[in-house]
Structure formats: structure tokens, C-alpha cells
Amino acid sequence: MRHVVWDWNGTLFDDQHLVIEGLNAVLDEVGVDRVDLETYQRLYTRPVQVFYERLLGRPVGPEEWGRIDAVFHAGYRAALDRARLTADAGDALDLVADTGGSQSLLSMFPHAQLVPLVEGLGIAPRFAVVDGLRGAGGGVKAPYLERHLDRVARAVPRSPQQVVVIGDALDDAAAAQQVGVDCVLYDGGSHPRAELERAGVPVADTLPAAVAAAASG
């Protein structure tokens, strides 16, 4: 088994409903009609500022983007205690370990909030490295993945051919391609299934199935 770099939001962590709540808090703030999951999936992209520009139908400047980001995270955090691990996350983590693989966690969720959350859910010991966002958010994942893999290489020496990213977003696939590692996408809600399939990587319905696809790659 290879080294698995897990995504967090929408993959191991079942928080799509919280994302929609945070998003709708932003839309309430700017006076735009609320959206449902289908609209979110259709428009979602990274950088996240571009997603909001799609949603609002106009440019979003730096000052407004700062307010949007703050309102979103306040709404998301207010509902955070209602989120749980994805139902089969434990089985998937066990499967990696049982097949001799190592694993790490890379999230675009703020690092200072991610670490206690992962520890509180009892899964921190599973990961050789846990990395959240340090600094401003909303950008693409590729540079963070590159730095994460540098840390992984020091903790669990692996060649790039032995690393696979498992995530739920097209940005996960784009980041993996940019740094030269494999990717399996989980149909967890960030995008419609048809869009995931167009990324040219395996797409799995469950997290254990994603691990199986990663092992066979």
C-alpha cells in the first residue's frame, strides 16, 4: 500500500451541510438569495473567491473578499459541533493501516482549528503528518500539497510514485497532477459526479472503495 494524503472537508469529515450554512450566511449578508447543495456543486471552484464571483455574478474585490471569508467561517464554526466523520471514514483509515500503508492529512481548514478537531475525534494518531491552512485562505491546494509532501518525506520516506491523494474536489485532482502524484476522487458532494469523472482519475462512491482504488493504482 502507498502513502495516502487524505483531504478533510467533504472527505473524511462530513461537513457539506455546514458549508452550505456558512455559504448562506454570506448570501444573507450581501442580500442574495440562498442556494442549495445542487447550486453549490454546480458553481464550486478554487480559488474560492472565483466561486463567489460566479455565485454573485460580479467581481469581488480584496476588501469584500475578506468580509465574505470572515462571515463564512463564523457561520461554519457556529454549526461545527453538528458535524461528524464520514460514516465509513474509520473503515477506510483501518484499511490503509491493515494493508501496510501510511497516511497523512492535508486540509485547507485553518491549522489551529483543525488539529484540536482531529484530536477530539480520536483519529490524530492515524496520521504521520497533519497540516491545515496557515495564513490566508481560499487559494488552490497545489502549493500546500507540495509543502505537505516535503514534511511527509521527512516523516515517512516515499517516492512521489508511492503517494496518492484522496479527496472530493477537482482541486484535489489538479493539485495531485501539478505535483506529480496520483489521485482518487471521492463522490462526497463538492461537485456533481459527472464533473469528477471528467477529471480523468478514479472516482469512488465510498471511502473504502477509494482506498482500494488507490491500492490498485
Protein backbone atom coordinates (compact mmCIF):
# COMPACT_ATOMS: atom_id res chain seq x y z
CA MET A 1 0.00 0.00 0.00
CA ARG A 2 1.20 3.51 -0.80
CA HIS A 3 1.12 6.66 1.31
CA VAL A 4 -2.35 8.24 1.30
CA VAL A 5 -2.76 12.00 1.66
CA TRP A 6 -6.31 12.48 2.87
CA ASP A 7 -8.40 15.57 2.26
CA TRP A 8 -10.54 16.61 5.22
CA ASN A 9 -13.63 18.69 4.42
CA GLY A 10 -16.14 16.67 2.43
CA THR A 11 -13.90 13.58 2.51
CA LEU A 12 -13.04 12.25 5.97
CA PHE A 13 -15.16 14.97 7.59
CA ASP A 14 -18.85 15.01 6.66
CA ASP A 15 -19.50 18.75 6.66
CA GLN A 16 -21.24 19.59 3.40
CA HIS A 17 -24.33 20.76 5.30
CA LEU A 18 -22.15 23.13 7.33
CA VAL A 19 -20.55 24.51 4.18
CA ILE A 20 -23.99 25.33 2.80
CA GLU A 21 -24.94 27.01 6.11
CA GLY A 22 -21.78 29.11 6.08
CA LEU A 23 -22.31 30.00 2.43
CA ASN A 24 -25.91 31.04 3.02
CA ALA A 25 -24.80 33.21 5.94
CA VAL A 26 -22.63 35.07 3.43
CA LEU A 27 -25.50 35.40 0.96
CA ASP A 28 -27.76 36.75 3.71
CA GLU A 29 -25.06 39.32 4.49
CA VAL A 30 -24.82 40.54 0.88
CA GLY A 31 -28.56 40.36 0.19
CA VAL A 32 -28.52 37.50 -2.31
CA ASP A 33 -30.96 34.57 -2.35
CA ARG A 34 -29.83 31.44 -0.54
CA VAL A 35 -28.66 28.41 -2.53
CA ASP A 36 -28.99 24.65 -2.17
CA LEU A 37 -26.41 21.88 -2.49
CA GLU A 38 -27.07 21.43 -6.21
CA THR A 39 -26.25 25.08 -6.96
CA TYR A 40 -23.15 24.89 -4.77
CA GLN A 41 -21.90 21.80 -6.60
CA ARG A 42 -22.54 23.35 -10.00
CA LEU A 43 -20.58 26.54 -9.25
CA TYR A 44 -17.90 25.49 -6.76
CA THR A 45 -14.28 26.02 -7.75
CA ARG A 46 -10.97 27.22 -6.36
CA PRO A 47 -9.76 29.85 -5.80
CA VAL A 48 -12.86 30.27 -3.63
CA GLN A 49 -13.05 33.97 -4.49
CA VAL A 50 -13.80 32.93 -8.08
CA PHE A 51 -16.61 30.72 -6.77
CA TYR A 52 -18.21 33.72 -5.07
CA GLU A 53 -17.81 35.76 -8.24
CA ARG A 54 -19.68 33.05 -10.13
CA LEU A 55 -22.35 32.99 -7.44
CA LEU A 56 -22.80 36.76 -7.23
CA GLY A 57 -22.36 37.39 -10.95
CA ARG A 58 -19.83 40.18 -10.41
CA PRO A 59 -16.21 40.76 -9.37
CA VAL A 60 -15.32 40.53 -5.68
CA GLY A 61 -12.57 42.91 -4.55
CA PRO A 62 -9.99 42.20 -1.82
CA GLU A 63 -11.84 44.08 0.93
CA GLU A 64 -15.17 42.41 0.19
CA TRP A 65 -13.46 39.03 -0.10
CA GLY A 66 -12.04 39.48 3.40
CA ARG A 67 -15.52 40.16 4.80
CA ILE A 68 -17.01 37.20 2.89
CA ASP A 69 -14.35 34.84 4.17
CA ALA A 70 -14.86 36.01 7.77
CA VAL A 71 -18.66 35.66 7.60
CA PHE A 72 -18.43 32.21 6.04
CA HIS A 73 -16.08 30.86 8.69
CA ALA A 74 -18.15 32.37 11.51
CA GLY A 75 -21.27 30.63 10.17
CA TYR A 76 -19.38 27.39 9.64
CA ARG A 77 -17.85 27.39 13.12
CA ALA A 78 -21.24 28.11 14.71
CA ALA A 79 -22.52 24.80 13.35
CA LEU A 80 -19.32 22.78 13.71
CA ASP A 81 -20.47 20.73 16.68
CA ARG A 82 -23.09 19.10 14.43
CA ALA A 83 -20.52 17.63 12.02
CA ARG A 84 -19.05 14.16 12.31
CA LEU A 85 -16.62 11.92 10.49
CA THR A 86 -17.95 10.43 7.27
CA ALA A 87 -19.71 7.19 8.16
CA ASP A 88 -17.07 4.90 6.68
CA ALA A 89 -14.01 7.05 7.47
CA GLY A 90 -12.85 4.75 10.26
CA ASP A 91 -13.10 1.71 7.99
CA ALA A 92 -11.06 3.48 5.31
CA LEU A 93 -8.35 4.54 7.75
CA ASP A 94 -8.20 0.97 9.09
CA LEU A 95 -7.90 -0.38 5.56
CA VAL A 96 -4.85 1.77 4.82
CA ALA A 97 -3.18 0.67 8.05
CA ASP A 98 -4.11 -3.00 7.60
CA THR A 99 -2.53 -3.08 4.15
CA GLY A 100 0.72 -1.61 5.42
CA GLY A 101 0.23 1.91 4.14
CA SER A 102 0.94 5.21 5.83
CA GLN A 103 -1.33 8.23 5.78
CA SER A 104 -1.39 11.95 6.39
CA LEU A 105 -3.98 14.70 6.42
CA LEU A 106 -3.92 17.92 4.39
CA SER A 107 -6.78 20.38 4.75
CA MET A 108 -7.50 23.93 3.71
CA PHE A 109 -9.24 24.38 7.07
CA PRO A 110 -7.23 26.63 9.45
CA HIS A 111 -4.48 24.60 11.09
CA ALA A 112 -5.07 25.96 14.60
CA GLN A 113 -8.69 24.76 14.44
CA LEU A 114 -8.03 21.56 12.51
CA VAL A 115 -5.59 19.97 14.96
CA PRO A 116 -7.86 20.04 18.05
CA LEU A 117 -10.80 18.92 15.91
CA VAL A 118 -8.90 15.88 14.59
CA GLU A 119 -7.60 15.12 18.08
CA GLY A 120 -11.09 15.41 19.55
CA LEU A 121 -12.41 12.91 17.04
CA GLY A 122 -9.75 10.44 18.15
CA ILE A 123 -8.01 9.92 14.81
CA ALA A 124 -4.88 12.09 15.12
CA PRO A 125 -2.60 9.08 15.85
CA ARG A 126 -3.50 7.64 12.45
CA PHE A 127 -1.58 10.34 10.60
CA ALA A 128 2.14 10.78 10.16
CA VAL A 129 1.54 14.49 9.42
CA VAL A 130 -1.49 16.74 9.92
CA ASP A 131 -1.46 20.03 8.02
CA GLY A 132 -4.12 22.69 7.91
CA LEU A 133 -4.12 26.12 6.38
CA ARG A 134 -1.59 28.58 7.71
CA GLY A 135 -2.20 32.13 6.54
CA ALA A 136 -4.85 33.49 4.19
CA GLY A 137 -7.35 31.01 2.77
CA GLY A 138 -9.28 30.45 -0.42
CA GLY A 139 -6.43 29.59 -2.79
CA VAL A 140 -5.67 26.45 -4.76
CA LYS A 141 -4.28 23.40 -2.98
CA ALA A 142 -1.21 22.59 -5.10
CA PRO A 143 1.41 24.69 -3.24
CA TYR A 144 0.15 23.40 0.10
CA LEU A 145 0.33 19.82 -1.16
CA GLU A 146 3.90 20.35 -2.29
CA ARG A 147 4.93 21.60 1.15
CA HIS A 148 2.94 18.82 2.81
CA LEU A 149 4.77 16.17 0.81
CA ASP A 150 8.09 17.66 1.92
CA ARG A 151 7.00 17.07 5.52
CA VAL A 152 5.73 13.59 4.68
CA ALA A 153 9.07 12.72 3.05
CA ARG A 154 10.82 13.54 6.31
CA ALA A 155 8.31 11.58 8.40
CA VAL A 156 7.65 8.63 6.10
CA PRO A 157 10.16 8.44 3.22
CA ARG A 158 8.30 7.72 -0.01
CA SER A 159 8.93 8.42 -3.66
CA PRO A 160 6.29 10.52 -5.48
CA GLN A 161 5.12 7.41 -7.33
CA GLN A 162 4.10 5.92 -3.97
CA VAL A 163 1.80 8.77 -2.94
CA VAL A 164 -1.90 9.08 -3.70
CA VAL A 165 -4.27 11.90 -2.76
CA ILE A 166 -7.85 11.02 -1.80
CA GLY A 167 -10.22 13.99 -1.89
CA ASP A 168 -13.65 15.11 -3.02
CA ALA A 169 -12.83 18.18 -5.12
CA LEU A 170 -11.48 18.82 -8.59
CA ASP A 171 -8.83 20.95 -6.91
CA ASP A 172 -7.51 17.79 -5.23
CA ALA A 173 -7.00 16.19 -8.63
CA ALA A 174 -5.44 19.35 -10.05
CA ALA A 175 -3.06 19.65 -7.09
CA ALA A 176 -2.02 16.00 -7.37
CA GLN A 177 -1.37 16.34 -11.08
CA GLN A 178 0.67 19.51 -10.57
CA VAL A 179 3.00 17.89 -8.03
CA GLY A 180 3.19 14.58 -9.90
CA VAL A 181 1.28 12.16 -7.66
CA ASP A 182 -1.83 10.05 -8.17
CA CYS A 183 -5.34 10.93 -7.07
CA VAL A 184 -8.62 9.16 -6.35
CA LEU A 185 -11.73 11.32 -6.05
CA TYR A 186 -14.49 10.52 -3.58
CA ASP A 187 -18.04 11.44 -4.58
CA GLY A 188 -18.60 13.39 -1.38
CA GLY A 189 -20.54 16.40 -2.56
CA SER A 190 -18.27 19.21 -3.74
CA HIS A 191 -19.03 18.57 -7.41
CA PRO A 192 -21.56 16.61 -9.46
CA ARG A 193 -20.38 13.07 -10.21
CA ALA A 194 -20.12 13.78 -13.93
CA GLU A 195 -17.61 16.59 -13.30
CA LEU A 196 -15.48 14.34 -11.09
CA GLU A 197 -15.39 11.70 -13.80
CA ARG A 198 -14.14 14.22 -16.34
CA ALA A 199 -11.03 14.79 -14.20
CA GLY A 200 -9.52 11.59 -15.63
CA VAL A 201 -8.85 9.89 -12.27
CA PRO A 202 -10.70 7.06 -10.49
CA VAL A 203 -13.92 8.12 -8.74
CA ALA A 204 -15.24 6.14 -5.77
CA ASP A 205 -18.64 6.06 -4.06
CA THR A 206 -17.23 5.18 -0.63
CA LEU A 207 -14.02 5.89 1.24
CA PRO A 208 -13.00 2.19 1.48
CA ALA A 209 -13.56 1.94 -2.28
CA ALA A 210 -11.31 4.95 -2.73
CA VAL A 211 -8.60 3.23 -0.69
CA ALA A 212 -9.00 0.08 -2.79
CA ALA A 213 -8.64 2.13 -5.97
CA ALA A 214 -5.56 3.83 -4.53
CA ALA A 215 -4.01 0.46 -3.68
CA SER A 216 -4.56 -0.88 -7.18
CA GLY A 217 -3.18 2.20 -8.95
